[in-house]
């Protein structure tokens, strides 16, 4: 079965950086699109960044462009989200997601808290 295991969340001060990782298994990683989403308390889950594995094309939410970078390590079935210049409004639970043959799967989420 599909498994997505996230890591790398934590507490960071405004202006700091974190790198999230998501290790995928149970499906053909090279034929998928992987994405990071986030959900803050009282808000809807939103797309943060997306990468198509076979061609590496990416897309970002306007609010994170220039600060966040999504990348892949195909040999390790892994995607990363490098988050720089973090703001308090980036605080949320971050979820890794896979879209493969029209089916979407989710990881368990990792908490990111940006606070001084």
N, C-alpha and C. Protein backbone atom coordinates (compact mmCIF):
# COMPACT_ATOMS: atom_id res chain seq x y z
N UNK A 1 0.84 -1.18 0.00
CA UNK A 1 0.00 0.00 0.00
C UNK A 1 0.88 1.25 0.00
N UNK A 2 0.26 2.36 -0.39
CA UNK A 2 1.00 3.62 -0.45
C UNK A 2 1.35 4.08 0.95
N UNK A 3 2.60 4.47 1.11
CA UNK A 3 3.05 5.08 2.38
C UNK A 3 3.83 6.34 2.07
N UNK A 4 3.54 7.37 2.81
CA UNK A 4 4.26 8.63 2.72
C UNK A 4 4.67 9.01 4.14
N UNK A 5 5.96 9.09 4.37
CA UNK A 5 6.46 9.35 5.71
C UNK A 5 7.21 10.67 5.71
N UNK A 6 6.65 11.64 6.44
CA UNK A 6 7.25 12.98 6.50
C UNK A 6 8.16 13.10 7.71
N UNK A 7 9.12 13.99 7.58
CA UNK A 7 9.98 14.34 8.71
C UNK A 7 10.53 15.74 8.50
N UNK A 8 11.09 16.30 9.57
CA UNK A 8 11.78 17.58 9.45
C UNK A 8 11.06 18.78 10.03
N UNK A 9 9.86 18.61 10.52
CA UNK A 9 9.16 19.74 11.12
C UNK A 9 9.77 20.12 12.45
N UNK A 10 9.28 21.24 13.00
CA UNK A 10 9.78 21.68 14.29
C UNK A 10 9.48 23.13 14.55
N UNK A 11 10.17 23.65 15.56
CA UNK A 11 10.01 25.06 15.95
C UNK A 11 11.20 25.85 15.43
N UNK A 12 10.92 26.98 14.80
CA UNK A 12 11.98 27.82 14.25
C UNK A 12 11.58 29.28 14.43
N UNK A 13 12.58 30.14 14.57
CA UNK A 13 12.30 31.56 14.71
C UNK A 13 12.00 32.19 13.34
N UNK A 14 11.27 33.29 13.34
CA UNK A 14 11.04 34.00 12.06
C UNK A 14 12.36 34.32 11.38
N UNK A 15 12.38 34.11 10.07
CA UNK A 15 13.59 34.30 9.30
C UNK A 15 14.44 33.06 9.18
N UNK A 16 14.11 32.03 9.93
CA UNK A 16 14.88 30.79 9.91
C UNK A 16 14.50 29.87 8.78
N UNK A 17 15.11 28.69 8.79
CA UNK A 17 14.91 27.71 7.72
C UNK A 17 14.61 26.33 8.30
N UNK A 18 13.88 25.55 7.53
CA UNK A 18 13.64 24.15 7.83
C UNK A 18 13.60 23.40 6.50
N UNK A 19 13.94 22.11 6.57
CA UNK A 19 13.79 21.25 5.40
C UNK A 19 12.92 20.07 5.77
N UNK A 20 11.83 19.93 5.05
CA UNK A 20 10.94 18.78 5.23
C UNK A 20 11.30 17.71 4.21
N UNK A 21 11.14 16.45 4.62
CA UNK A 21 11.38 15.32 3.73
C UNK A 21 10.17 14.40 3.73
N UNK A 22 9.97 13.76 2.59
CA UNK A 22 8.87 12.79 2.45
C UNK A 22 9.40 11.60 1.69
N UNK A 23 9.38 10.44 2.33
CA UNK A 23 9.81 9.20 1.69
C UNK A 23 8.57 8.42 1.28
N UNK A 24 8.52 8.07 0.00
CA UNK A 24 7.34 7.42 -0.56
C UNK A 24 7.61 5.95 -0.86
N UNK A 25 6.58 5.13 -0.73
CA UNK A 25 6.69 3.72 -1.09
C UNK A 25 5.31 3.20 -1.47
N UNK A 26 5.30 2.06 -2.18
CA UNK A 26 4.04 1.41 -2.51
C UNK A 26 3.43 1.81 -3.84
N UNK A 27 4.12 2.63 -4.62
CA UNK A 27 3.62 3.01 -5.94
C UNK A 27 4.82 3.41 -6.79
N UNK A 28 4.54 3.59 -8.09
CA UNK A 28 5.61 3.96 -9.03
C UNK A 28 5.91 5.45 -8.91
N UNK A 29 6.90 5.75 -8.11
CA UNK A 29 7.26 7.14 -7.79
C UNK A 29 7.52 7.95 -9.06
N UNK A 30 8.18 7.35 -10.03
CA UNK A 30 8.57 8.09 -11.23
C UNK A 30 7.38 8.50 -12.09
N UNK A 31 6.23 7.90 -11.85
CA UNK A 31 5.01 8.22 -12.61
C UNK A 31 4.00 9.01 -11.79
N UNK A 32 4.50 9.78 -10.85
CA UNK A 32 3.60 10.49 -9.94
C UNK A 32 3.90 11.99 -9.94
N UNK A 33 2.99 12.70 -9.32
CA UNK A 33 3.22 14.10 -8.96
C UNK A 33 3.17 14.17 -7.45
N UNK A 34 4.18 14.78 -6.87
CA UNK A 34 4.28 14.88 -5.42
C UNK A 34 4.07 16.34 -5.02
N UNK A 35 3.46 16.53 -3.88
CA UNK A 35 3.18 17.89 -3.46
C UNK A 35 3.23 18.01 -1.94
N UNK A 36 3.40 19.23 -1.50
CA UNK A 36 3.30 19.59 -0.09
C UNK A 36 2.10 20.53 0.06
N UNK A 37 1.32 20.25 1.08
CA UNK A 37 0.18 21.07 1.43
C UNK A 37 0.32 21.45 2.90
N UNK A 38 -0.41 22.45 3.30
CA UNK A 38 -0.38 22.81 4.72
C UNK A 38 -1.77 23.22 5.19
N UNK A 39 -1.97 23.06 6.49
CA UNK A 39 -3.25 23.43 7.09
C UNK A 39 -2.99 24.05 8.45
N UNK A 40 -3.38 25.31 8.57
CA UNK A 40 -3.28 26.01 9.84
C UNK A 40 -4.62 25.89 10.58
N UNK A 41 -4.62 26.06 11.89
CA UNK A 41 -5.87 25.94 12.66
C UNK A 41 -6.95 26.88 12.14
N UNK A 42 -8.14 26.34 11.90
CA UNK A 42 -9.26 27.15 11.43
C UNK A 42 -9.22 27.50 9.96
N UNK A 43 -8.23 26.98 9.24
CA UNK A 43 -8.12 27.28 7.82
C UNK A 43 -8.19 26.01 6.99
N UNK A 44 -8.48 26.19 5.70
CA UNK A 44 -8.52 25.05 4.80
C UNK A 44 -7.10 24.62 4.42
N UNK A 45 -6.97 23.34 4.07
CA UNK A 45 -5.69 22.86 3.59
C UNK A 45 -5.40 23.51 2.24
N UNK A 46 -4.14 23.93 2.06
CA UNK A 46 -3.77 24.62 0.82
C UNK A 46 -2.51 24.00 0.22
N UNK A 47 -2.43 24.08 -1.11
CA UNK A 47 -1.24 23.61 -1.81
C UNK A 47 -0.10 24.59 -1.57
N UNK A 48 1.06 24.06 -1.24
CA UNK A 48 2.26 24.87 -1.05
C UNK A 48 3.17 24.76 -2.27
N UNK A 49 3.47 23.52 -2.67
CA UNK A 49 4.38 23.30 -3.79
C UNK A 49 4.12 21.92 -4.37
N UNK A 50 4.41 21.82 -5.69
CA UNK A 50 4.14 20.57 -6.37
C UNK A 50 5.28 20.31 -7.35
N UNK A 51 5.63 19.03 -7.53
CA UNK A 51 6.65 18.65 -8.50
C UNK A 51 6.18 17.41 -9.24
N UNK A 52 6.32 17.45 -10.56
CA UNK A 52 6.05 16.27 -11.38
C UNK A 52 7.36 15.49 -11.48
N UNK A 53 7.33 14.24 -11.06
CA UNK A 53 8.57 13.51 -10.90
C UNK A 53 9.29 13.26 -12.22
N UNK A 54 8.56 12.91 -13.29
CA UNK A 54 9.28 12.50 -14.50
C UNK A 54 9.96 13.66 -15.21
N UNK A 55 9.39 14.87 -15.14
CA UNK A 55 10.05 15.98 -15.84
C UNK A 55 10.57 17.07 -14.89
N UNK A 56 10.28 16.94 -13.61
CA UNK A 56 10.81 17.88 -12.63
C UNK A 56 10.14 19.25 -12.61
N UNK A 57 9.06 19.42 -13.35
CA UNK A 57 8.39 20.72 -13.36
C UNK A 57 7.77 21.00 -12.00
N UNK A 58 7.78 22.27 -11.62
CA UNK A 58 7.32 22.65 -10.29
C UNK A 58 6.28 23.77 -10.35
N UNK A 59 5.54 23.89 -9.28
CA UNK A 59 4.56 24.96 -9.12
C UNK A 59 4.50 25.32 -7.65
N UNK A 60 4.35 26.61 -7.37
CA UNK A 60 4.34 27.10 -5.99
C UNK A 60 3.15 28.00 -5.73
N UNK A 61 2.71 28.00 -4.48
CA UNK A 61 1.74 29.01 -4.05
C UNK A 61 2.42 30.37 -4.08
N UNK A 62 1.67 31.41 -4.40
CA UNK A 62 2.23 32.76 -4.47
C UNK A 62 2.88 33.16 -3.15
N UNK A 63 2.30 32.72 -2.06
CA UNK A 63 2.78 33.14 -0.74
C UNK A 63 4.15 32.58 -0.39
N UNK A 64 4.63 31.56 -1.12
CA UNK A 64 5.92 30.95 -0.78
C UNK A 64 6.95 31.08 -1.90
N UNK A 65 6.56 31.64 -3.03
CA UNK A 65 7.49 31.78 -4.15
C UNK A 65 8.71 32.59 -3.73
N UNK A 66 9.88 32.07 -4.10
CA UNK A 66 11.12 32.75 -3.77
C UNK A 66 11.66 32.39 -2.40
N UNK A 67 10.85 31.72 -1.58
CA UNK A 67 11.30 31.32 -0.23
C UNK A 67 11.38 29.80 -0.08
N UNK A 68 10.48 29.08 -0.71
CA UNK A 68 10.42 27.62 -0.60
C UNK A 68 10.89 26.99 -1.91
N UNK A 69 11.51 25.83 -1.79
CA UNK A 69 11.94 25.07 -2.97
C UNK A 69 11.58 23.61 -2.77
N UNK A 70 10.87 23.05 -3.74
CA UNK A 70 10.56 21.62 -3.72
C UNK A 70 11.56 20.92 -4.64
N UNK A 71 12.04 19.76 -4.20
CA UNK A 71 13.00 19.01 -5.00
C UNK A 71 12.76 17.52 -4.80
N UNK A 72 13.41 16.73 -5.66
CA UNK A 72 13.22 15.28 -5.59
C UNK A 72 14.56 14.57 -5.64
N UNK A 73 14.59 13.39 -5.03
CA UNK A 73 15.71 12.47 -5.17
C UNK A 73 15.09 11.16 -5.62
N UNK A 74 15.00 10.98 -6.93
CA UNK A 74 14.24 9.85 -7.47
C UNK A 74 14.80 8.51 -7.02
N UNK A 75 16.12 8.43 -6.89
CA UNK A 75 16.74 7.16 -6.49
C UNK A 75 16.33 6.74 -5.08
N UNK A 76 15.85 7.71 -4.29
CA UNK A 76 15.46 7.42 -2.91
C UNK A 76 13.96 7.60 -2.69
N UNK A 77 13.20 7.78 -3.78
CA UNK A 77 11.75 8.00 -3.68
C UNK A 77 11.42 9.07 -2.65
N UNK A 78 12.15 10.15 -2.72
CA UNK A 78 12.06 11.19 -1.70
C UNK A 78 11.84 12.55 -2.33
N UNK A 79 11.01 13.35 -1.69
CA UNK A 79 10.89 14.76 -2.05
C UNK A 79 11.20 15.59 -0.81
N UNK A 80 11.78 16.75 -1.06
CA UNK A 80 12.12 17.67 0.01
C UNK A 80 11.40 18.99 -0.21
N UNK A 81 11.17 19.69 0.88
CA UNK A 81 10.68 21.07 0.81
C UNK A 81 11.63 21.91 1.65
N UNK A 82 12.46 22.69 0.98
CA UNK A 82 13.36 23.60 1.67
C UNK A 82 12.62 24.90 1.91
N UNK A 83 12.51 25.29 3.16
CA UNK A 83 11.76 26.49 3.53
C UNK A 83 12.71 27.50 4.16
N UNK A 84 12.89 28.62 3.49
CA UNK A 84 13.75 29.69 3.98
C UNK A 84 12.93 30.93 4.30
N UNK A 85 13.52 31.85 5.02
CA UNK A 85 12.86 33.11 5.38
C UNK A 85 11.47 32.87 5.92
N UNK A 86 11.38 31.94 6.86
CA UNK A 86 10.08 31.55 7.38
C UNK A 86 9.41 32.69 8.13
N UNK A 87 8.09 32.73 8.00
CA UNK A 87 7.27 33.76 8.64
C UNK A 87 6.31 33.08 9.62
N UNK A 88 5.79 33.85 10.54
CA UNK A 88 4.85 33.27 11.51
C UNK A 88 3.64 32.69 10.80
N UNK A 89 3.26 33.30 9.69
CA UNK A 89 2.09 32.80 8.96
C UNK A 89 2.34 31.49 8.21
N UNK A 90 3.59 31.02 8.21
CA UNK A 90 3.90 29.71 7.63
C UNK A 90 3.62 28.57 8.62
N UNK A 91 3.31 28.91 9.86
CA UNK A 91 3.03 27.88 10.86
C UNK A 91 1.79 27.07 10.46
N UNK A 92 1.93 25.76 10.47
CA UNK A 92 0.85 24.88 10.04
C UNK A 92 1.33 23.43 10.17
N UNK A 93 0.39 22.52 9.98
CA UNK A 93 0.77 21.12 9.76
C UNK A 93 1.00 20.96 8.26
N UNK A 94 2.16 20.44 7.92
CA UNK A 94 2.53 20.25 6.52
C UNK A 94 2.35 18.78 6.15
N UNK A 95 1.66 18.56 5.04
CA UNK A 95 1.35 17.21 4.58
C UNK A 95 2.01 16.95 3.23
N UNK A 96 2.61 15.79 3.11
CA UNK A 96 3.09 15.30 1.83
C UNK A 96 1.95 14.57 1.14
N UNK A 97 1.86 14.72 -0.18
CA UNK A 97 0.80 14.07 -0.94
C UNK A 97 1.35 13.52 -2.24
N UNK A 98 0.79 12.40 -2.66
CA UNK A 98 1.16 11.79 -3.93
C UNK A 98 -0.09 11.66 -4.79
N UNK A 99 0.05 12.02 -6.06
CA UNK A 99 -1.02 11.81 -7.04
C UNK A 99 -0.50 10.82 -8.07
N UNK A 100 -1.11 9.67 -8.11
CA UNK A 100 -0.63 8.59 -8.98
C UNK A 100 -1.82 7.90 -9.61
N UNK A 101 -1.89 7.91 -10.94
CA UNK A 101 -3.00 7.32 -11.68
C UNK A 101 -4.35 7.80 -11.16
N UNK A 102 -4.42 9.10 -10.87
CA UNK A 102 -5.68 9.72 -10.46
C UNK A 102 -6.04 9.54 -9.00
N UNK A 103 -5.24 8.80 -8.26
CA UNK A 103 -5.52 8.57 -6.84
C UNK A 103 -4.58 9.40 -5.99
N UNK A 104 -5.13 10.06 -4.98
CA UNK A 104 -4.32 10.90 -4.09
C UNK A 104 -4.16 10.24 -2.74
N UNK A 105 -2.93 10.26 -2.26
CA UNK A 105 -2.62 9.72 -0.94
C UNK A 105 -1.96 10.81 -0.11
N UNK A 106 -2.07 10.67 1.22
CA UNK A 106 -1.56 11.67 2.14
C UNK A 106 -0.66 11.04 3.20
N UNK A 107 0.32 11.80 3.63
CA UNK A 107 1.10 11.42 4.79
C UNK A 107 0.39 11.85 6.05
N UNK A 108 1.05 11.59 7.19
CA UNK A 108 0.42 11.87 8.47
C UNK A 108 0.56 13.32 8.91
N UNK A 109 1.45 14.04 8.27
CA UNK A 109 1.66 15.45 8.57
C UNK A 109 2.78 15.68 9.56
N UNK A 110 3.40 16.84 9.43
CA UNK A 110 4.45 17.24 10.37
C UNK A 110 4.23 18.71 10.72
N UNK A 111 4.36 19.01 12.01
CA UNK A 111 4.07 20.36 12.49
C UNK A 111 5.25 21.29 12.26
N UNK A 112 4.96 22.45 11.70
CA UNK A 112 5.95 23.52 11.57
C UNK A 112 5.42 24.72 12.35
N UNK A 113 6.21 25.18 13.30
CA UNK A 113 5.83 26.34 14.10
C UNK A 113 6.91 27.40 13.96
N UNK A 114 6.51 28.58 13.51
CA UNK A 114 7.44 29.70 13.36
C UNK A 114 7.07 30.73 14.42
N UNK A 115 7.95 30.88 15.39
CA UNK A 115 7.64 31.76 16.52
C UNK A 115 8.92 32.22 17.19
N UNK A 116 8.88 33.43 17.70
CA UNK A 116 10.02 33.94 18.46
C UNK A 116 9.84 33.66 19.95
